[in-house]
C-alpha atoms as a PDB file:
ATOM      1  CA  UNK A   1    -113.057  34.677-139.863  1.00  0.00           C
ATOM      2  CA  UNK A   2    -116.495  35.965-138.589  1.00  0.00           C
ATOM      3  CA  UNK A   3    -118.987  33.252-136.869  1.00  0.00           C
ATOM      4  CA  UNK A   4    -121.658  32.384-139.032  1.00  0.00           C
ATOM      5  CA  UNK A   5    -123.865  34.355-136.372  1.00  0.00           C
ATOM      6  CA  UNK A   6    -122.338  37.746-136.322  1.00  0.00           C
ATOM      7  CA  UNK A   7    -122.435  37.042-140.120  1.00  0.00           C
ATOM      8  CA  UNK A   8    -126.177  36.514-140.124  1.00  0.00           C
ATOM      9  CA  UNK A   9    -126.826  39.698-138.001  1.00  0.00           C
ATOM     10  CA  UNK A  10    -124.636  41.727-139.982  1.00  0.00           C
ATOM     11  CA  UNK A  11    -126.219  40.700-143.494  1.00  0.00           C
ATOM     12  CA  UNK A  12    -129.595  41.167-141.556  1.00  0.00           C
ATOM     13  CA  UNK A  13    -128.963  45.258-140.043  1.00  0.00           C
ATOM     14  CA  UNK A  14    -128.545  44.159-136.474  1.00  0.00           C
ATOM     15  CA  UNK A  15    -124.897  45.091-136.603  1.00  0.00           C
ATOM     16  CA  UNK A  16    -124.697  47.167-133.385  1.00  0.00           C
ATOM     17  CA  UNK A  17    -124.915  50.798-131.793  1.00  0.00           C
ATOM     18  CA  UNK A  18    -124.937  52.164-134.851  1.00  0.00           C
ATOM     19  CA  UNK A  19    -127.763  50.611-136.325  1.00  0.00           C
ATOM     20  CA  UNK A  20    -130.120  51.370-133.535  1.00  0.00           C
ATOM     21  CA  UNK A  21    -129.472  54.825-133.558  1.00  0.00           C
ATOM     22  CA  UNK A  22    -129.815  55.069-137.055  1.00  0.00           C
ATOM     23  CA  UNK A  23    -133.443  52.827-136.713  1.00  0.00           C
ATOM     24  CA  UNK A  24    -134.737  54.936-133.820  1.00  0.00           C
ATOM     25  CA  UNK A  25    -137.925  56.885-133.751  1.00  0.00           C
ATOM     26  CA  UNK A  26    -137.125  60.630-134.925  1.00  0.00           C
ATOM     27  CA  UNK A  27    -139.183  63.325-133.442  1.00  0.00           C
ATOM     28  CA  UNK A  28    -139.498  66.824-135.082  1.00  0.00           C
ATOM     29  CA  UNK A  29    -140.963  68.604-137.905  1.00  0.00           C
ATOM     30  CA  UNK A  30    -141.724  66.366-141.311  1.00  0.00           C
ATOM     31  CA  UNK A  31    -140.243  63.615-139.397  1.00  0.00           C
ATOM     32  CA  UNK A  32    -142.070  60.189-138.733  1.00  0.00           C
ATOM     33  CA  UNK A  33    -142.709  58.602-135.502  1.00  0.00           C
ATOM     34  CA  UNK A  34    -143.072  55.147-135.256  1.00  0.00           C
ATOM     35  CA  UNK A  35    -145.671  53.939-132.484  1.00  0.00           C
ATOM     36  CA  UNK A  36    -144.647  51.441-129.872  1.00  0.00           C
ATOM     37  CA  UNK A  37    -146.078  47.770-130.832  1.00  0.00           C
ATOM     38  CA  UNK A  38    -146.625  46.317-126.914  1.00  0.00           C
ATOM     39  CA  UNK A  39    -147.374  42.917-126.220  1.00  0.00           C
ATOM     40  CA  UNK A  40    -147.433  40.781-129.092  1.00  0.00           C
ATOM     41  CA  UNK A  41    -149.507  37.621-127.793  1.00  0.00           C
ATOM     42  CA  UNK A  42    -151.753  36.920-130.622  1.00  0.00           C
ATOM     43  CA  UNK A  43    -153.146  35.144-133.834  1.00  0.00           C
ATOM     44  CA  UNK A  44    -151.277  35.693-136.775  1.00  0.00           C
ATOM     45  CA  UNK A  45    -151.616  35.046-140.304  1.00  0.00           C
ATOM     46  CA  UNK A  46    -148.183  33.279-141.933  1.00  0.00           C
ATOM     47  CA  UNK A  47    -147.168  33.675-145.424  1.00  0.00           C
ATOM     48  CA  UNK A  48    -143.755  32.666-146.830  1.00  0.00           C
ATOM     49  CA  UNK A  49    -141.270  31.614-149.080  1.00  0.00           C
ATOM     50  CA  UNK A  50    -139.325  28.462-149.168  1.00  0.00           C
ATOM     51  CA  UNK A  51    -136.254  28.959-150.968  1.00  0.00           C
ATOM     52  CA  UNK A  52    -137.189  26.634-154.085  1.00  0.00           C
ATOM     53  CA  UNK A  53    -139.610  29.437-154.689  1.00  0.00           C
ATOM     54  CA  UNK A  54    -142.669  27.473-153.053  1.00  0.00           C
ATOM     55  CA  UNK A  55    -145.132  29.713-151.234  1.00  0.00           C
ATOM     56  CA  UNK A  56    -147.056  28.549-147.817  1.00  0.00           C
ATOM     57  CA  UNK A  57    -149.599  29.973-145.552  1.00  0.00           C
ATOM     58  CA  UNK A  58    -150.834  29.132-142.443  1.00  0.00           C
ATOM     59  CA  UNK A  59    -151.481  30.444-138.606  1.00  0.00           C
ATOM     60  CA  UNK A  60    -149.081  31.364-135.875  1.00  0.00           C
ATOM     61  CA  UNK A  61    -150.049  31.571-132.117  1.00  0.00           C
ATOM     62  CA  UNK A  62    -147.745  33.805-130.087  1.00  0.00           C
ATOM     63  CA  UNK A  63    -148.049  33.631-126.111  1.00  0.00           C
ATOM     64  CA  UNK A  64    -146.179  36.066-123.536  1.00  0.00           C
ATOM     65  CA  UNK A  65    -144.736  33.849-120.335  1.00  0.00           C
ATOM     66  CA  UNK A  66    -143.177  36.760-118.213  1.00  0.00           C
ATOM     67  CA  UNK A  67    -140.220  37.783-120.121  1.00  0.00           C
ATOM     68  CA  UNK A  68    -140.381  35.367-123.192  1.00  0.00           C
ATOM     69  CA  UNK A  69    -142.695  34.476-125.785  1.00  0.00           C
ATOM     70  CA  UNK A  70    -144.036  30.607-126.857  1.00  0.00           C
ATOM     71  CA  UNK A  71    -144.990  30.572-130.692  1.00  0.00           C
ATOM     72  CA  UNK A  72    -146.553  27.926-132.320  1.00  0.00           C
ATOM     73  CA  UNK A  73    -146.915  27.450-136.111  1.00  0.00           C
ATOM     74  CA  UNK A  74    -149.349  25.299-138.052  1.00  0.00           C
ATOM     75  CA  UNK A  75    -148.474  25.411-142.003  1.00  0.00           C
ATOM     76  CA  UNK A  76    -150.614  24.381-144.994  1.00  0.00           C
ATOM     77  CA  UNK A  77    -151.969  20.421-144.486  1.00  0.00           C
ATOM     78  CA  UNK A  78    -151.524  20.718-140.670  1.00  0.00           C
ATOM     79  CA  UNK A  79    -147.692  20.722-139.750  1.00  0.00           C
ATOM     80  CA  UNK A  80    -147.057  22.292-136.630  1.00  0.00           C
ATOM     81  CA  UNK A  81    -143.801  23.493-135.625  1.00  0.00           C
ATOM     82  CA  UNK A  82    -143.694  25.177-131.559  1.00  0.00           C
ATOM     83  CA  UNK A  83    -140.776  27.139-130.093  1.00  0.00           C
ATOM     84  CA  UNK A  84    -139.603  29.860-127.782  1.00  0.00           C
ATOM     85  CA  UNK A  85    -139.274  33.576-128.774  1.00  0.00           C
ATOM     86  CA  UNK A  86    -137.545  36.512-126.856  1.00  0.00           C
ATOM     87  CA  UNK A  87    -137.849  40.055-127.853  1.00  0.00           C
ATOM     88  CA  UNK A  88    -135.413  42.647-128.161  1.00  0.00           C
ATOM     89  CA  UNK A  89    -136.630  46.219-128.827  1.00  0.00           C
ATOM     90  CA  UNK A  90    -138.281  46.183-132.318  1.00  0.00           C
ATOM     91  CA  UNK A  91    -136.660  42.603-133.290  1.00  0.00           C
ATOM     92  CA  UNK A  92    -138.132  38.912-132.124  1.00  0.00           C
ATOM     93  CA  UNK A  93    -135.801  36.254-132.455  1.00  0.00           C
ATOM     94  CA  UNK A  94    -137.643  32.734-132.143  1.00  0.00           C
ATOM     95  CA  UNK A  95    -136.405  28.927-132.142  1.00  0.00           C
ATOM     96  CA  UNK A  96    -137.819  26.055-132.953  1.00  0.00           C
ATOM     97  CA  UNK A  97    -137.880  22.443-133.880  1.00  0.00           C
ATOM     98  CA  UNK A  98    -139.891  19.426-135.341  1.00  0.00           C
ATOM     99  CA  UNK A  99    -139.641  15.830-135.678  1.00  0.00           C
ATOM    100  CA  UNK A 100    -138.339  14.769-139.756  1.00  0.00           C
ATOM    101  CA  UNK A 101    -139.798  11.593-141.459  1.00  0.00           C
ATOM    102  CA  UNK A 102    -136.588  10.355-140.761  1.00  0.00           C
ATOM    103  CA  UNK A 103    -136.808  10.004-137.022  1.00  0.00           C
ATOM    104  CA  UNK A 104    -134.714  13.043-136.915  1.00  0.00           C
ATOM    105  CA  UNK A 105    -135.278  16.422-135.751  1.00  0.00           C
ATOM    106  CA  UNK A 106    -135.333  19.609-138.047  1.00  0.00           C
ATOM    107  CA  UNK A 107    -134.344  22.926-136.000  1.00  0.00           C
ATOM    108  CA  UNK A 108    -134.848  26.511-137.162  1.00  0.00           C
ATOM    109  CA  UNK A 109    -134.606  29.990-136.197  1.00  0.00           C
ATOM    110  CA  UNK A 110    -136.549  33.068-137.192  1.00  0.00           C
ATOM    111  CA  UNK A 111    -135.788  36.687-136.987  1.00  0.00           C
ATOM    112  CA  UNK A 112    -138.732  38.954-137.267  1.00  0.00           C
ATOM    113  CA  UNK A 113    -138.358  42.901-137.205  1.00  0.00           C
ATOM    114  CA  UNK A 114    -141.507  44.097-135.633  1.00  0.00           C
ATOM    115  CA  UNK A 115    -143.449  46.834-137.540  1.00  0.00           C
ATOM    116  CA  UNK A 116    -147.229  48.889-136.627  1.00  0.00           C
ATOM    117  CA  UNK A 117    -150.438  46.392-136.801  1.00  0.00           C
ATOM    118  CA  UNK A 118    -147.830  44.343-135.331  1.00  0.00           C
ATOM    119  CA  UNK A 119    -146.435  42.689-138.252  1.00  0.00           C
ATOM    120  CA  UNK A 120    -143.097  40.798-137.909  1.00  0.00           C
ATOM    121  CA  UNK A 121    -141.186  40.601-141.550  1.00  0.00           C
ATOM    122  CA  UNK A 122    -138.640  38.184-141.356  1.00  0.00           C
ATOM    123  CA  UNK A 123    -136.066  35.328-142.332  1.00  0.00           C
ATOM    124  CA  UNK A 124    -135.815  32.012-141.534  1.00  0.00           C
ATOM    125  CA  UNK A 125    -133.268  28.964-141.913  1.00  0.00           C
ATOM    126  CA  UNK A 126    -133.137  25.433-140.415  1.00  0.00           C
ATOM    127  CA  UNK A 127    -131.037  22.569-140.196  1.00  0.00           C
ATOM    128  CA  UNK A 128    -130.688  20.665-141.822  1.00  0.00           C
ATOM    129  CA  UNK A 129    -131.726  22.516-144.455  1.00  0.00           C
ATOM    130  CA  UNK A 130    -130.919  24.321-147.822  1.00  0.00           C
ATOM    131  CA  UNK A 131    -128.320  26.329-146.112  1.00  0.00           C
ATOM    132  CA  UNK A 132    -130.533  29.821-147.180  1.00  0.00           C
ATOM    133  CA  UNK A 133    -132.407  32.471-145.263  1.00  0.00           C
ATOM    134  CA  UNK A 134    -136.179  32.245-146.587  1.00  0.00           C
ATOM    135  CA  UNK A 135    -138.638  34.902-145.664  1.00  0.00           C
ATOM    136  CA  UNK A 136    -141.723  34.846-143.805  1.00  0.00           C
ATOM    137  CA  UNK A 137    -144.578  37.583-142.564  1.00  0.00           C
ATOM    138  CA  UNK A 138    -146.565  37.388-139.469  1.00  0.00           C
ATOM    139  CA  UNK A 139    -149.875  39.691-140.185  1.00  0.00           C
ATOM    140  CA  UNK A 140    -151.914  40.299-136.738  1.00  0.00           C
ATOM    141  CA  UNK A 141    -155.593  38.914-136.807  1.00  0.00           C
ATOM    142  CA  UNK A 142    -156.910  38.987-133.231  1.00  0.00           C
ATOM    143  CA  UNK A 143    -155.971  38.962-129.554  1.00  0.00           C
ATOM    144  CA  UNK A 144    -156.010  35.457-127.700  1.00  0.00           C
ATOM    145  CA  UNK A 145    -159.377  35.366-125.042  1.00  0.00           C
ATOM    146  CA  UNK A 146    -158.624  34.815-121.895  1.00  0.00           C
ATOM    147  CA  UNK A 147    -160.734  33.405-119.231  1.00  0.00           C
ATOM    148  CA  UNK A 148    -161.806  35.496-116.379  1.00  0.00           C
END
């Protein structure tokens, strides 16, 4: 029996070395070369679809800190989610938590494919939650301004 994590990885096409080779950019006549997306830090628009078909939108902020990213979403009327993310190649995995209205905590995970732009397209799930994958896209708005 497959563990839920292995099942999720296989379902999303993250099965291992064969997938890496298949998805790798290729060079040659008539073959498209995907440009590398460097540091993902910045502000992003956030658009998603919940399990019941309800859409949502907001803003996300990604900040690189050494080998990891800190991420924060502000959705709809001001719901704020914070988490940590790691990047492996063209994949970004994020975890987050938010208090619920019953004194507990809702925990979640997002898994994004990094596309040029950058644009991050992915799926997310939460616990407690409906037990299904939901979709979300982050589209780059602008870099984070730093003080000199």
